Amino acid sequence: MKIDILKTVIALAISALIAYACHTFCKFETVQWAITIGSFVTIGIPCVLSMGLSAAEERGAVMLKTLSSIMLTIEIVINLVFLFLDFSVPVYVIVNGLLMLVFLLVYNSMYRKHM
């Protein structure tokens, strides 16, 4: 796998803009920074893995990019749900943490098998 610097920077900029939007639209000041930081991390990781990396083997790369894109969509939806709900920070961290860890486990398994 090779890192494309320009695409990685663009992916991080996209996740930063989405995090800023979450910060702006969050109506609950007690969790505003948690959702800002959490959305940047949980959207940034799949965004970088789907846009910023390239692989020599086409089949494996398509599978990994598809998995990352699906996880990116799931994380955007989950962050939108949390954006409009009053929640506790531990619940937000646990839900997003579990999803991210499962995603990274599946991604690593697919990477080892197909690359």
N, C-alpha and C. Protein backbone atom coordinates (compact mmCIF):
# COMPACT_ATOMS: atom_id res chain seq x y z
N MET A 1 0.84 -1.17 0.00
CA MET A 1 0.00 0.00 0.00
C MET A 1 0.89 1.24 0.00
N LYS A 2 0.49 2.18 -0.79
CA LYS A 2 1.22 3.44 -0.88
C LYS A 2 0.31 4.57 -0.44
N ILE A 3 0.91 5.55 0.22
CA ILE A 3 0.16 6.71 0.67
C ILE A 3 0.28 7.82 -0.36
N ASP A 4 -0.86 8.29 -0.82
CA ASP A 4 -0.91 9.44 -1.72
C ASP A 4 -1.13 10.67 -0.84
N ILE A 5 -0.10 11.51 -0.73
CA ILE A 5 -0.12 12.63 0.20
C ILE A 5 -1.25 13.61 -0.10
N LEU A 6 -1.43 13.96 -1.35
CA LEU A 6 -2.46 14.94 -1.71
C LEU A 6 -3.86 14.42 -1.36
N LYS A 7 -4.15 13.18 -1.70
CA LYS A 7 -5.46 12.61 -1.39
C LYS A 7 -5.66 12.45 0.11
N THR A 8 -4.60 12.15 0.83
CA THR A 8 -4.69 12.05 2.29
C THR A 8 -5.00 13.40 2.91
N VAL A 9 -4.35 14.45 2.44
CA VAL A 9 -4.63 15.80 2.94
C VAL A 9 -6.06 16.20 2.61
N ILE A 10 -6.53 15.87 1.42
CA ILE A 10 -7.90 16.19 1.05
C ILE A 10 -8.89 15.42 1.93
N ALA A 11 -8.61 14.15 2.20
CA ALA A 11 -9.48 13.35 3.07
C ALA A 11 -9.53 13.93 4.48
N LEU A 12 -8.38 14.36 5.00
CA LEU A 12 -8.35 14.98 6.32
C LEU A 12 -9.07 16.33 6.33
N ALA A 13 -8.97 17.08 5.24
CA ALA A 13 -9.69 18.35 5.14
C ALA A 13 -11.19 18.12 5.10
N ILE A 14 -11.64 17.10 4.39
CA ILE A 14 -13.06 16.77 4.35
C ILE A 14 -13.56 16.40 5.74
N SER A 15 -12.81 15.57 6.44
CA SER A 15 -13.24 15.18 7.79
C SER A 15 -13.19 16.37 8.76
N ALA A 16 -12.25 17.29 8.57
CA ALA A 16 -12.20 18.48 9.41
C ALA A 16 -13.41 19.38 9.15
N LEU A 17 -13.81 19.51 7.90
CA LEU A 17 -14.98 20.31 7.58
C LEU A 17 -16.26 19.68 8.12
N ILE A 18 -16.37 18.37 8.06
CA ILE A 18 -17.53 17.70 8.63
C ILE A 18 -17.54 17.86 10.15
N ALA A 19 -16.37 17.78 10.78
CA ALA A 19 -16.28 17.98 12.22
C ALA A 19 -16.67 19.41 12.60
N TYR A 20 -16.26 20.37 11.80
CA TYR A 20 -16.64 21.76 12.05
C TYR A 20 -18.16 21.94 11.90
N ALA A 21 -18.73 21.28 10.91
CA ALA A 21 -20.19 21.34 10.74
C ALA A 21 -20.90 20.72 11.95
N CYS A 22 -20.37 19.62 12.46
CA CYS A 22 -20.95 19.00 13.66
C CYS A 22 -20.84 19.95 14.85
N HIS A 23 -19.72 20.63 14.98
CA HIS A 23 -19.54 21.60 16.07
C HIS A 23 -20.53 22.75 15.93
N THR A 24 -20.74 23.21 14.74
CA THR A 24 -21.62 24.35 14.50
C THR A 24 -23.08 24.00 14.74
N PHE A 25 -23.52 22.83 14.29
CA PHE A 25 -24.92 22.47 14.37
C PHE A 25 -25.32 21.81 15.68
N CYS A 26 -24.36 21.45 16.53
CA CYS A 26 -24.68 20.82 17.81
C CYS A 26 -25.32 21.86 18.74
N LYS A 27 -26.50 21.56 19.21
CA LYS A 27 -27.24 22.50 20.05
C LYS A 27 -26.93 22.34 21.53
N PHE A 28 -26.25 21.28 21.89
CA PHE A 28 -25.97 20.98 23.29
C PHE A 28 -24.50 21.30 23.58
N GLU A 29 -24.28 22.38 24.32
CA GLU A 29 -22.91 22.85 24.56
C GLU A 29 -22.09 21.89 25.41
N THR A 30 -22.73 21.04 26.20
CA THR A 30 -21.99 20.13 27.07
C THR A 30 -21.26 19.05 26.29
N VAL A 31 -21.75 18.72 25.10
CA VAL A 31 -21.14 17.65 24.31
C VAL A 31 -20.59 18.14 22.98
N GLN A 32 -20.52 19.45 22.82
CA GLN A 32 -20.12 20.02 21.54
C GLN A 32 -18.69 19.63 21.15
N TRP A 33 -17.77 19.69 22.08
CA TRP A 33 -16.39 19.35 21.75
C TRP A 33 -16.19 17.85 21.60
N ALA A 34 -16.96 17.07 22.34
CA ALA A 34 -16.86 15.61 22.19
C ALA A 34 -17.28 15.17 20.80
N ILE A 35 -18.37 15.73 20.31
CA ILE A 35 -18.82 15.34 18.97
C ILE A 35 -17.91 15.91 17.89
N THR A 36 -17.29 17.05 18.15
CA THR A 36 -16.35 17.62 17.17
C THR A 36 -15.12 16.73 17.02
N ILE A 37 -14.50 16.41 18.13
CA ILE A 37 -13.29 15.57 18.10
C ILE A 37 -13.64 14.15 17.65
N GLY A 38 -14.73 13.61 18.18
CA GLY A 38 -15.13 12.25 17.81
C GLY A 38 -15.48 12.11 16.34
N SER A 39 -16.17 13.10 15.81
CA SER A 39 -16.52 13.00 14.38
C SER A 39 -15.29 13.15 13.50
N PHE A 40 -14.33 13.99 13.91
CA PHE A 40 -13.11 14.11 13.11
C PHE A 40 -12.36 12.79 13.07
N VAL A 41 -12.24 12.14 14.20
CA VAL A 41 -11.49 10.88 14.26
C VAL A 41 -12.24 9.76 13.54
N THR A 42 -13.54 9.61 13.87
CA THR A 42 -14.28 8.47 13.32
C THR A 42 -14.62 8.62 11.84
N ILE A 43 -14.66 9.84 11.35
CA ILE A 43 -14.86 10.04 9.92
C ILE A 43 -13.52 10.11 9.19
N GLY A 44 -12.50 10.61 9.87
CA GLY A 44 -11.19 10.77 9.25
C GLY A 44 -10.50 9.46 8.92
N ILE A 45 -10.60 8.49 9.82
CA ILE A 45 -9.90 7.21 9.59
C ILE A 45 -10.44 6.49 8.35
N PRO A 46 -11.76 6.23 8.25
CA PRO A 46 -12.21 5.56 7.02
C PRO A 46 -12.05 6.42 5.76
N CYS A 47 -12.13 7.74 5.93
CA CYS A 47 -11.96 8.62 4.77
C CYS A 47 -10.53 8.53 4.23
N VAL A 48 -9.55 8.53 5.12
CA VAL A 48 -8.15 8.40 4.69
C VAL A 48 -7.91 7.02 4.10
N LEU A 49 -8.46 5.98 4.72
CA LEU A 49 -8.25 4.62 4.21
C LEU A 49 -8.94 4.40 2.86
N SER A 50 -10.03 5.12 2.60
CA SER A 50 -10.70 4.92 1.31
C SER A 50 -10.14 5.82 0.22
N MET A 51 -9.66 7.01 0.58
CA MET A 51 -9.19 7.95 -0.44
C MET A 51 -7.67 8.04 -0.52
N GLY A 52 -6.97 7.97 0.59
CA GLY A 52 -5.56 8.30 0.63
C GLY A 52 -4.59 7.18 0.37
N LEU A 53 -5.07 5.95 0.31
CA LEU A 53 -4.17 4.82 0.09
C LEU A 53 -4.44 4.18 -1.26
N SER A 54 -3.38 3.68 -1.87
CA SER A 54 -3.53 2.94 -3.12
C SER A 54 -2.72 1.65 -3.01
N ALA A 55 -3.19 0.64 -3.72
CA ALA A 55 -2.54 -0.67 -3.66
C ALA A 55 -2.25 -1.16 -5.06
N ALA A 56 -1.31 -2.07 -5.16
CA ALA A 56 -0.92 -2.63 -6.44
C ALA A 56 -1.96 -3.63 -6.95
N GLU A 57 -2.52 -4.40 -6.03
CA GLU A 57 -3.50 -5.41 -6.43
C GLU A 57 -4.90 -4.79 -6.48
N GLU A 58 -5.51 -4.81 -7.64
CA GLU A 58 -6.80 -4.15 -7.87
C GLU A 58 -7.93 -4.74 -7.03
N ARG A 59 -8.04 -6.06 -7.01
CA ARG A 59 -9.17 -6.71 -6.34
C ARG A 59 -9.18 -6.40 -4.85
N GLY A 60 -8.04 -6.55 -4.21
CA GLY A 60 -7.95 -6.27 -2.79
C GLY A 60 -8.17 -4.80 -2.47
N ALA A 61 -7.66 -3.93 -3.33
CA ALA A 61 -7.82 -2.50 -3.11
C ALA A 61 -9.28 -2.09 -3.22
N VAL A 62 -10.01 -2.66 -4.17
CA VAL A 62 -11.43 -2.34 -4.33
C VAL A 62 -12.21 -2.81 -3.11
N MET A 63 -11.90 -3.98 -2.61
CA MET A 63 -12.60 -4.49 -1.43
C MET A 63 -12.33 -3.61 -0.21
N LEU A 64 -11.09 -3.20 -0.02
CA LEU A 64 -10.75 -2.36 1.12
C LEU A 64 -11.38 -0.97 1.00
N LYS A 65 -11.39 -0.41 -0.19
CA LYS A 65 -12.00 0.90 -0.39
C LYS A 65 -13.51 0.84 -0.21
N THR A 66 -14.13 -0.25 -0.64
CA THR A 66 -15.57 -0.43 -0.45
C THR A 66 -15.91 -0.54 1.03
N LEU A 67 -15.14 -1.33 1.75
CA LEU A 67 -15.35 -1.47 3.20
C LEU A 67 -15.19 -0.12 3.88
N SER A 68 -14.17 0.63 3.53
CA SER A 68 -13.94 1.94 4.13
C SER A 68 -15.05 2.92 3.78
N SER A 69 -15.55 2.86 2.57
CA SER A 69 -16.64 3.75 2.17
C SER A 69 -17.94 3.43 2.90
N ILE A 70 -18.20 2.16 3.10
CA ILE A 70 -19.38 1.75 3.87
C ILE A 70 -19.25 2.23 5.31
N MET A 71 -18.08 2.07 5.90
CA MET A 71 -17.87 2.53 7.28
C MET A 71 -17.96 4.05 7.37
N LEU A 72 -17.47 4.74 6.37
CA LEU A 72 -17.58 6.21 6.34
C LEU A 72 -19.04 6.64 6.33
N THR A 73 -19.86 5.98 5.54
CA THR A 73 -21.29 6.29 5.50
C THR A 73 -21.96 6.00 6.84
N ILE A 74 -21.62 4.88 7.44
CA ILE A 74 -22.20 4.52 8.74
C ILE A 74 -21.80 5.56 9.80
N GLU A 75 -20.56 5.97 9.81
CA GLU A 75 -20.11 6.94 10.80
C GLU A 75 -20.75 8.31 10.59
N ILE A 76 -20.94 8.71 9.35
CA ILE A 76 -21.61 9.99 9.10
C ILE A 76 -23.05 9.93 9.62
N VAL A 77 -23.75 8.83 9.37
CA VAL A 77 -25.12 8.69 9.84
C VAL A 77 -25.17 8.67 11.37
N ILE A 78 -24.27 7.94 12.00
CA ILE A 78 -24.27 7.86 13.46
C ILE A 78 -23.95 9.22 14.07
N ASN A 79 -23.00 9.94 13.49
CA ASN A 79 -22.70 11.27 14.02
C ASN A 79 -23.85 12.23 13.80
N LEU A 80 -24.59 12.10 12.71
CA LEU A 80 -25.78 12.93 12.51
C LEU A 80 -26.85 12.62 13.55
N VAL A 81 -27.02 11.34 13.88
CA VAL A 81 -27.99 10.97 14.92
C VAL A 81 -27.58 11.57 16.26
N PHE A 82 -26.31 11.43 16.62
CA PHE A 82 -25.84 11.99 17.89
C PHE A 82 -25.86 13.52 17.88
N LEU A 83 -25.75 14.10 16.71
CA LEU A 83 -25.73 15.56 16.60
C LEU A 83 -27.03 16.18 17.09
N PHE A 84 -28.15 15.51 16.84
CA PHE A 84 -29.44 16.08 17.20
C PHE A 84 -30.04 15.48 18.46
N LEU A 85 -29.30 14.63 19.15
CA LEU A 85 -29.77 14.04 20.40
C LEU A 85 -28.91 14.53 21.55
N ASP A 86 -29.54 14.64 22.72
CA ASP A 86 -28.77 14.93 23.93
C ASP A 86 -28.26 13.59 24.46
N PHE A 87 -26.96 13.43 24.56
CA PHE A 87 -26.38 12.14 24.92
C PHE A 87 -25.28 12.36 25.95
N SER A 88 -24.87 11.27 26.56
CA SER A 88 -23.73 11.36 27.47
C SER A 88 -22.47 11.00 26.70
N VAL A 89 -21.39 11.61 27.07
CA VAL A 89 -20.12 11.39 26.37
C VAL A 89 -19.67 9.93 26.42
N PRO A 90 -19.80 9.22 27.56
CA PRO A 90 -19.39 7.81 27.54
C PRO A 90 -20.15 6.95 26.53
N VAL A 91 -21.44 7.21 26.35
CA VAL A 91 -22.20 6.45 25.36
C VAL A 91 -21.67 6.72 23.96
N TYR A 92 -21.40 7.96 23.67
CA TYR A 92 -20.86 8.34 22.35
C TYR A 92 -19.50 7.68 22.10
N VAL A 93 -18.64 7.72 23.10
CA VAL A 93 -17.30 7.13 22.95
C VAL A 93 -17.39 5.62 22.79
N ILE A 94 -18.25 4.97 23.57
CA ILE A 94 -18.37 3.51 23.50
C ILE A 94 -18.93 3.07 22.15
N VAL A 95 -19.99 3.72 21.69
CA VAL A 95 -20.60 3.33 20.40
C VAL A 95 -19.61 3.54 19.26
N ASN A 96 -19.03 4.72 19.17
CA ASN A 96 -18.09 4.98 18.08
C ASN A 96 -16.80 4.19 18.22
N GLY A 97 -16.35 3.98 19.44
CA GLY A 97 -15.13 3.18 19.65
C GLY A 97 -15.31 1.74 19.24
N LEU A 98 -16.43 1.14 19.61
CA LEU A 98 -16.69 -0.24 19.21
C LEU A 98 -16.80 -0.38 17.70
N LEU A 99 -17.52 0.54 17.08
CA LEU A 99 -17.63 0.49 15.62
C LEU A 99 -16.27 0.64 14.94
N MET A 100 -15.47 1.56 15.44
CA MET A 100 -14.16 1.79 14.83
C MET A 100 -13.24 0.59 15.03
N LEU A 101 -13.27 -0.02 16.21
CA LEU A 101 -12.42 -1.18 16.45
C LEU A 101 -12.83 -2.39 15.61
N VAL A 102 -14.13 -2.61 15.46
CA VAL A 102 -14.60 -3.70 14.60
C VAL A 102 -14.21 -3.44 13.16
N PHE A 103 -14.37 -2.19 12.72
CA PHE A 103 -13.96 -1.83 11.35
C PHE A 103 -12.47 -2.09 11.14
N LEU A 104 -11.64 -1.65 12.07
CA LEU A 104 -10.19 -1.84 11.92
C LEU A 104 -9.81 -3.31 11.95
N LEU A 105 -10.52 -4.11 12.74
CA LEU A 105 -10.27 -5.55 12.78
C LEU A 105 -10.61 -6.21 11.44
N VAL A 106 -11.76 -5.87 10.88
CA VAL A 106 -12.16 -6.43 9.58
C VAL A 106 -11.23 -5.93 8.48
N TYR A 107 -10.88 -4.64 8.52
CA TYR A 107 -9.97 -4.07 7.52
C TYR A 107 -8.61 -4.79 7.57
N ASN A 108 -8.09 -5.00 8.77
CA ASN A 108 -6.80 -5.67 8.91
C ASN A 108 -6.87 -7.11 8.41
N SER A 109 -7.96 -7.80 8.71
CA SER A 109 -8.12 -9.18 8.24
C SER A 109 -8.17 -9.24 6.71
N MET A 110 -8.92 -8.33 6.11
CA MET A 110 -9.01 -8.29 4.64
C MET A 110 -7.67 -7.89 4.03
N TYR A 111 -6.98 -6.97 4.66
CA TYR A 111 -5.68 -6.54 4.14
C TYR A 111 -4.68 -7.69 4.14
N ARG A 112 -4.64 -8.43 5.23
CA ARG A 112 -3.70 -9.56 5.32
C ARG A 112 -4.04 -10.67 4.33
N LYS A 113 -5.32 -10.87 4.07
CA LYS A 113 -5.72 -11.94 3.17
C LYS A 113 -5.52 -11.58 1.70
N HIS A 114 -5.76 -10.34 1.33
CA HIS A 114 -5.77 -9.98 -0.09
C HIS A 114 -4.55 -9.18 -0.54
N MET A 115 -3.69 -8.79 0.33
CA MET A 115 -2.54 -8.01 -0.09
C MET A 115 -1.26 -8.79 0.06
